[in-house]
Amino acid sequence: MKIFLSKGSTFLAVALACLLAGPPALSQEGDDREAIQASLRALHQHQADLAELAEERAEDDEVVQLANTLRRDHAILDEWLAEASENSDTPHDEHALHDREAFEALRELEGEAFDETFLSYQMELHMAAIEYLEQNRPKGDEQLDEFNNHLLVTHETLLVNSELIDSLL
């Protein structure tokens, strides 16, 4: 039996752990910050789209539950990112981390085939996003502002969610 954390507990546990861990070496300036913001906003929106697709096409209730957990976490992260960022209206699509072709292929699947492909795609998407965040960490110990705290919490949330995905693969 797979176990999912209760509503909000995944995000809150990760946020608390990040705040207690102290300041990380994350800071972006100007264009880099805007590009990172745009990429993350696109990722958060893409999770909402994937959850909607899972509700329509998944066979396994645990896949639907996972998709809804991911949608909830990413909605919270997106709202926080908009508040933490100077330009909350950054366009989403031009900086997307996701693979549009893979998403379109998912739209053609149903049932067990959808479930397996969805989980594999989610794992790839989460690993790519984790790697992206890790590559965009600058060197040094810099002041932790709200945007950089968001990046840290997003990174940790993606790690936790990738473990949930892996538990269903």
C-alpha atoms as a PDB file:
ATOM      1  CA  MET A   1       0.000   0.000   0.000  1.00  0.00           C
ATOM      2  CA  LYS A   2       1.378   3.361  -1.018  1.00  0.00           C
ATOM      3  CA  ILE A   3       1.224   6.184   1.519  1.00  0.00           C
ATOM      4  CA  PHE A   4       0.615   9.807   0.563  1.00  0.00           C
ATOM      5  CA  LEU A   5       1.136  12.658   2.965  1.00  0.00           C
ATOM      6  CA  SER A   6      -1.958  14.569   3.996  1.00  0.00           C
ATOM      7  CA  LYS A   7      -2.992  17.714   2.173  1.00  0.00           C
ATOM      8  CA  GLY A   8      -0.425  20.421   2.658  1.00  0.00           C
ATOM      9  CA  SER A   9       1.863  18.351   4.858  1.00  0.00           C
ATOM     10  CA  THR A  10       4.429  17.674   2.130  1.00  0.00           C
ATOM     11  CA  PHE A  11       4.838  21.339   1.315  1.00  0.00           C
ATOM     12  CA  LEU A  12       4.787  22.471   4.931  1.00  0.00           C
ATOM     13  CA  ALA A  13       7.310  19.843   6.033  1.00  0.00           C
ATOM     14  CA  VAL A  14       9.683  20.808   3.252  1.00  0.00           C
ATOM     15  CA  ALA A  15       9.264  24.530   3.919  1.00  0.00           C
ATOM     16  CA  LEU A  16       9.964  24.061   7.619  1.00  0.00           C
ATOM     17  CA  ALA A  17      13.017  21.887   6.950  1.00  0.00           C
ATOM     18  CA  CYS A  18      14.399  24.487   4.539  1.00  0.00           C
ATOM     19  CA  LEU A  19      13.873  27.335   6.949  1.00  0.00           C
ATOM     20  CA  LEU A  20      15.579  25.425   9.748  1.00  0.00           C
ATOM     21  CA  ALA A  21      18.495  24.440   7.506  1.00  0.00           C
ATOM     22  CA  GLY A  22      19.691  28.018   7.191  1.00  0.00           C
ATOM     23  CA  PRO A  23      20.627  30.074   4.174  1.00  0.00           C
ATOM     24  CA  PRO A  24      21.740  28.237   1.050  1.00  0.00           C
ATOM     25  CA  ALA A  25      24.037  29.552  -1.645  1.00  0.00           C
ATOM     26  CA  LEU A  26      21.248  30.629  -3.992  1.00  0.00           C
ATOM     27  CA  SER A  27      20.986  34.045  -5.578  1.00  0.00           C
ATOM     28  CA  GLN A  28      20.176  35.265  -9.041  1.00  0.00           C
ATOM     29  CA  GLU A  29      20.467  38.670 -10.636  1.00  0.00           C
ATOM     30  CA  GLY A  30      18.466  40.366 -13.395  1.00  0.00           C
ATOM     31  CA  ASP A  31      17.902  38.232 -16.478  1.00  0.00           C
ATOM     32  CA  ASP A  32      18.941  35.015 -14.753  1.00  0.00           C
ATOM     33  CA  ARG A  33      16.374  35.548 -12.028  1.00  0.00           C
ATOM     34  CA  GLU A  34      13.651  36.346 -14.564  1.00  0.00           C
ATOM     35  CA  ALA A  35      14.509  33.274 -16.672  1.00  0.00           C
ATOM     36  CA  ILE A  36      14.457  31.034 -13.589  1.00  0.00           C
ATOM     37  CA  GLN A  37      11.164  32.567 -12.497  1.00  0.00           C
ATOM     38  CA  ALA A  38       9.662  32.008 -15.951  1.00  0.00           C
ATOM     39  CA  SER A  39      10.873  28.397 -16.047  1.00  0.00           C
ATOM     40  CA  LEU A  40       9.444  27.633 -12.630  1.00  0.00           C
ATOM     41  CA  ARG A  41       6.132  29.336 -13.387  1.00  0.00           C
ATOM     42  CA  ALA A  42       5.895  27.218 -16.557  1.00  0.00           C
ATOM     43  CA  LEU A  43       6.667  24.081 -14.529  1.00  0.00           C
ATOM     44  CA  HIS A  44       4.015  24.929 -11.945  1.00  0.00           C
ATOM     45  CA  GLN A  45       1.390  25.545 -14.659  1.00  0.00           C
ATOM     46  CA  HIS A  46       2.396  22.356 -16.456  1.00  0.00           C
ATOM     47  CA  GLN A  47       1.708  20.347 -13.286  1.00  0.00           C
ATOM     48  CA  ALA A  48      -1.835  21.727 -13.228  1.00  0.00           C
ATOM     49  CA  ASP A  49      -2.263  20.642 -16.853  1.00  0.00           C
ATOM     50  CA  LEU A  50      -0.854  17.182 -16.090  1.00  0.00           C
ATOM     51  CA  ALA A  51      -3.163  16.726 -13.095  1.00  0.00           C
ATOM     52  CA  GLU A  52      -6.182  17.569 -15.230  1.00  0.00           C
ATOM     53  CA  LEU A  53      -5.037  15.046 -17.821  1.00  0.00           C
ATOM     54  CA  ALA A  54      -4.515  12.384 -15.128  1.00  0.00           C
ATOM     55  CA  GLU A  55      -8.029  12.914 -13.797  1.00  0.00           C
ATOM     56  CA  GLU A  56      -9.389  12.221 -17.284  1.00  0.00           C
ATOM     57  CA  ARG A  57      -7.150   9.337 -18.370  1.00  0.00           C
ATOM     58  CA  ALA A  58      -5.558   7.512 -15.420  1.00  0.00           C
ATOM     59  CA  GLU A  59      -6.727   4.068 -14.414  1.00  0.00           C
ATOM     60  CA  ASP A  60      -5.041   3.843 -10.998  1.00  0.00           C
ATOM     61  CA  ASP A  61      -6.509   6.014  -8.233  1.00  0.00           C
ATOM     62  CA  GLU A  62      -3.017   6.415  -6.753  1.00  0.00           C
ATOM     63  CA  VAL A  63      -1.852   8.065  -9.981  1.00  0.00           C
ATOM     64  CA  VAL A  64      -4.760  10.523  -9.787  1.00  0.00           C
ATOM     65  CA  GLN A  65      -3.998  11.160  -6.114  1.00  0.00           C
ATOM     66  CA  LEU A  66      -0.324  11.766  -6.925  1.00  0.00           C
ATOM     67  CA  ALA A  67      -1.266  14.151  -9.744  1.00  0.00           C
ATOM     68  CA  ASN A  68      -3.521  16.100  -7.391  1.00  0.00           C
ATOM     69  CA  THR A  69      -0.767  16.229  -4.747  1.00  0.00           C
ATOM     70  CA  LEU A  70       1.655  17.579  -7.354  1.00  0.00           C
ATOM     71  CA  ARG A  71      -0.922  20.100  -8.584  1.00  0.00           C
ATOM     72  CA  ARG A  72      -1.530  21.334  -5.037  1.00  0.00           C
ATOM     73  CA  ASP A  73       2.178  21.628  -4.226  1.00  0.00           C
ATOM     74  CA  HIS A  74       2.946  23.451  -7.456  1.00  0.00           C
ATOM     75  CA  ALA A  75      -0.029  25.811  -7.040  1.00  0.00           C
ATOM     76  CA  ILE A  76       1.294  26.783  -3.610  1.00  0.00           C
ATOM     77  CA  LEU A  77       4.815  27.199  -4.997  1.00  0.00           C
ATOM     78  CA  ASP A  78       3.561  29.260  -7.947  1.00  0.00           C
ATOM     79  CA  GLU A  79       1.554  31.576  -5.713  1.00  0.00           C
ATOM     80  CA  TRP A  80       4.564  32.069  -3.464  1.00  0.00           C
ATOM     81  CA  LEU A  81       6.852  32.634  -6.462  1.00  0.00           C
ATOM     82  CA  ALA A  82       4.520  35.325  -7.795  1.00  0.00           C
ATOM     83  CA  GLU A  83       4.589  37.051  -4.401  1.00  0.00           C
ATOM     84  CA  ALA A  84       8.384  36.711  -4.060  1.00  0.00           C
ATOM     85  CA  SER A  85       9.146  37.963  -7.546  1.00  0.00           C
ATOM     86  CA  GLU A  86       9.220  41.512  -8.746  1.00  0.00           C
ATOM     87  CA  ASN A  87       7.563  40.623 -12.071  1.00  0.00           C
ATOM     88  CA  SER A  88       4.782  38.120 -11.441  1.00  0.00           C
ATOM     89  CA  ASP A  89       3.507  38.383 -15.023  1.00  0.00           C
ATOM     90  CA  THR A  90       6.525  36.707 -16.624  1.00  0.00           C
ATOM     91  CA  PRO A  91       5.442  34.661 -19.660  1.00  0.00           C
ATOM     92  CA  HIS A  92       5.457  30.925 -19.072  1.00  0.00           C
ATOM     93  CA  ASP A  93       5.984  29.079 -22.337  1.00  0.00           C
ATOM     94  CA  GLU A  94       9.231  30.503 -23.661  1.00  0.00           C
ATOM     95  CA  HIS A  95      11.214  29.135 -20.692  1.00  0.00           C
ATOM     96  CA  ALA A  96       9.444  25.798 -20.274  1.00  0.00           C
ATOM     97  CA  LEU A  97      11.357  22.922 -18.661  1.00  0.00           C
ATOM     98  CA  HIS A  98       8.849  20.376 -19.911  1.00  0.00           C
ATOM     99  CA  ASP A  99       8.713  18.497 -23.185  1.00  0.00           C
ATOM    100  CA  ARG A 100       5.659  19.601 -25.178  1.00  0.00           C
ATOM    101  CA  GLU A 101       5.853  16.513 -27.440  1.00  0.00           C
ATOM    102  CA  ALA A 102       5.821  14.155 -24.454  1.00  0.00           C
ATOM    103  CA  PHE A 103       2.796  15.971 -23.074  1.00  0.00           C
ATOM    104  CA  GLU A 104       0.984  15.663 -26.399  1.00  0.00           C
ATOM    105  CA  ALA A 105       1.806  11.942 -26.515  1.00  0.00           C
ATOM    106  CA  LEU A 106       0.294  11.540 -23.029  1.00  0.00           C
ATOM    107  CA  ARG A 107      -2.933  13.057 -24.308  1.00  0.00           C
ATOM    108  CA  GLU A 108      -3.303  10.090 -26.653  1.00  0.00           C
ATOM    109  CA  LEU A 109      -3.025   7.439 -23.913  1.00  0.00           C
ATOM    110  CA  GLU A 110      -5.542   6.061 -21.425  1.00  0.00           C
ATOM    111  CA  GLY A 111      -5.672   3.559 -18.595  1.00  0.00           C
ATOM    112  CA  GLU A 112      -2.616   1.535 -17.631  1.00  0.00           C
ATOM    113  CA  ALA A 113      -0.556   2.818 -20.591  1.00  0.00           C
ATOM    114  CA  PHE A 114      -1.275   6.374 -19.465  1.00  0.00           C
ATOM    115  CA  ASP A 115      -0.371   5.569 -15.851  1.00  0.00           C
ATOM    116  CA  GLU A 116       3.020   4.092 -16.730  1.00  0.00           C
ATOM    117  CA  THR A 117       3.900   6.841 -19.196  1.00  0.00           C
ATOM    118  CA  PHE A 118       2.649   9.566 -16.837  1.00  0.00           C
ATOM    119  CA  LEU A 119       4.800   8.310 -13.977  1.00  0.00           C
ATOM    120  CA  SER A 120       7.886   7.989 -16.167  1.00  0.00           C
ATOM    121  CA  TYR A 121       7.312  11.467 -17.579  1.00  0.00           C
ATOM    122  CA  GLN A 122       6.810  12.917 -14.103  1.00  0.00           C
ATOM    123  CA  MET A 123      10.081  11.375 -12.953  1.00  0.00           C
ATOM    124  CA  GLU A 124      11.946  12.799 -15.956  1.00  0.00           C
ATOM    125  CA  LEU A 125      10.312  16.188 -15.450  1.00  0.00           C
ATOM    126  CA  HIS A 126      11.174  16.295 -11.751  1.00  0.00           C
ATOM    127  CA  MET A 127      14.770  15.179 -12.323  1.00  0.00           C
ATOM    128  CA  ALA A 128      15.205  17.846 -15.027  1.00  0.00           C
ATOM    129  CA  ALA A 129      13.779  20.535 -12.740  1.00  0.00           C
ATOM    130  CA  ILE A 130      15.977  19.427  -9.824  1.00  0.00           C
ATOM    131  CA  GLU A 131      19.047  19.503 -12.072  1.00  0.00           C
ATOM    132  CA  TYR A 132      18.021  22.927 -13.412  1.00  0.00           C
ATOM    133  CA  LEU A 133      17.774  24.347  -9.895  1.00  0.00           C
ATOM    134  CA  GLU A 134      21.081  22.783  -8.889  1.00  0.00           C
ATOM    135  CA  GLN A 135      22.805  24.254 -11.974  1.00  0.00           C
ATOM    136  CA  ASN A 136      21.468  27.710 -11.224  1.00  0.00           C
ATOM    137  CA  ARG A 137      22.891  27.973  -7.745  1.00  0.00           C
ATOM    138  CA  PRO A 138      25.615  30.602  -7.658  1.00  0.00           C
ATOM    139  CA  LYS A 139      28.764  30.153  -5.643  1.00  0.00           C
ATOM    140  CA  GLY A 140      29.148  31.650  -2.187  1.00  0.00           C
ATOM    141  CA  ASP A 141      27.098  32.268   0.905  1.00  0.00           C
ATOM    142  CA  GLU A 142      24.670  35.019   0.068  1.00  0.00           C
ATOM    143  CA  GLN A 143      21.772  36.526   1.940  1.00  0.00           C
ATOM    144  CA  LEU A 144      18.619  34.422   1.772  1.00  0.00           C
ATOM    145  CA  ASP A 145      15.843  36.575   0.315  1.00  0.00           C
ATOM    146  CA  GLU A 146      12.304  35.385  -0.366  1.00  0.00           C
ATOM    147  CA  PHE A 147      12.995  34.467  -4.004  1.00  0.00           C
ATOM    148  CA  ASN A 148      16.034  32.359  -3.093  1.00  0.00           C
ATOM    149  CA  ASN A 149      14.140  30.750  -0.232  1.00  0.00           C
ATOM    150  CA  HIS A 150      11.469  29.842  -2.795  1.00  0.00           C
ATOM    151  CA  LEU A 151      14.123  28.177  -4.957  1.00  0.00           C
ATOM    152  CA  LEU A 152      15.342  26.143  -2.002  1.00  0.00           C
ATOM    153  CA  VAL A 153      11.828  25.044  -1.009  1.00  0.00           C
ATOM    154  CA  THR A 154      10.997  24.236  -4.629  1.00  0.00           C
ATOM    155  CA  HIS A 155      14.132  22.092  -4.883  1.00  0.00           C
ATOM    156  CA  GLU A 156      13.308  20.209  -1.697  1.00  0.00           C
ATOM    157  CA  THR A 157       9.652  19.783  -2.699  1.00  0.00           C
ATOM    158  CA  LEU A 158      10.721  18.346  -6.055  1.00  0.00           C
ATOM    159  CA  LEU A 159      12.989  15.870  -4.251  1.00  0.00           C
ATOM    160  CA  VAL A 160      10.154  14.733  -1.968  1.00  0.00           C
ATOM    161  CA  ASN A 161       7.708  14.502  -4.866  1.00  0.00           C
ATOM    162  CA  SER A 162      10.180  12.498  -6.952  1.00  0.00           C
ATOM    163  CA  GLU A 163      10.278   9.953  -4.126  1.00  0.00           C
ATOM    164  CA  LEU A 164       6.466   9.741  -4.240  1.00  0.00           C
ATOM    165  CA  ILE A 165       6.601   9.219  -8.008  1.00  0.00           C
ATOM    166  CA  ASP A 166       9.314   6.596  -7.652  1.00  0.00           C
ATOM    167  CA  SER A 167       7.212   4.709  -5.102  1.00  0.00           C
ATOM    168  CA  LEU A 168       4.558   4.191  -7.807  1.00  0.00           C
ATOM    169  CA  LEU A 169       6.918   3.179 -10.608  1.00  0.00           C
END
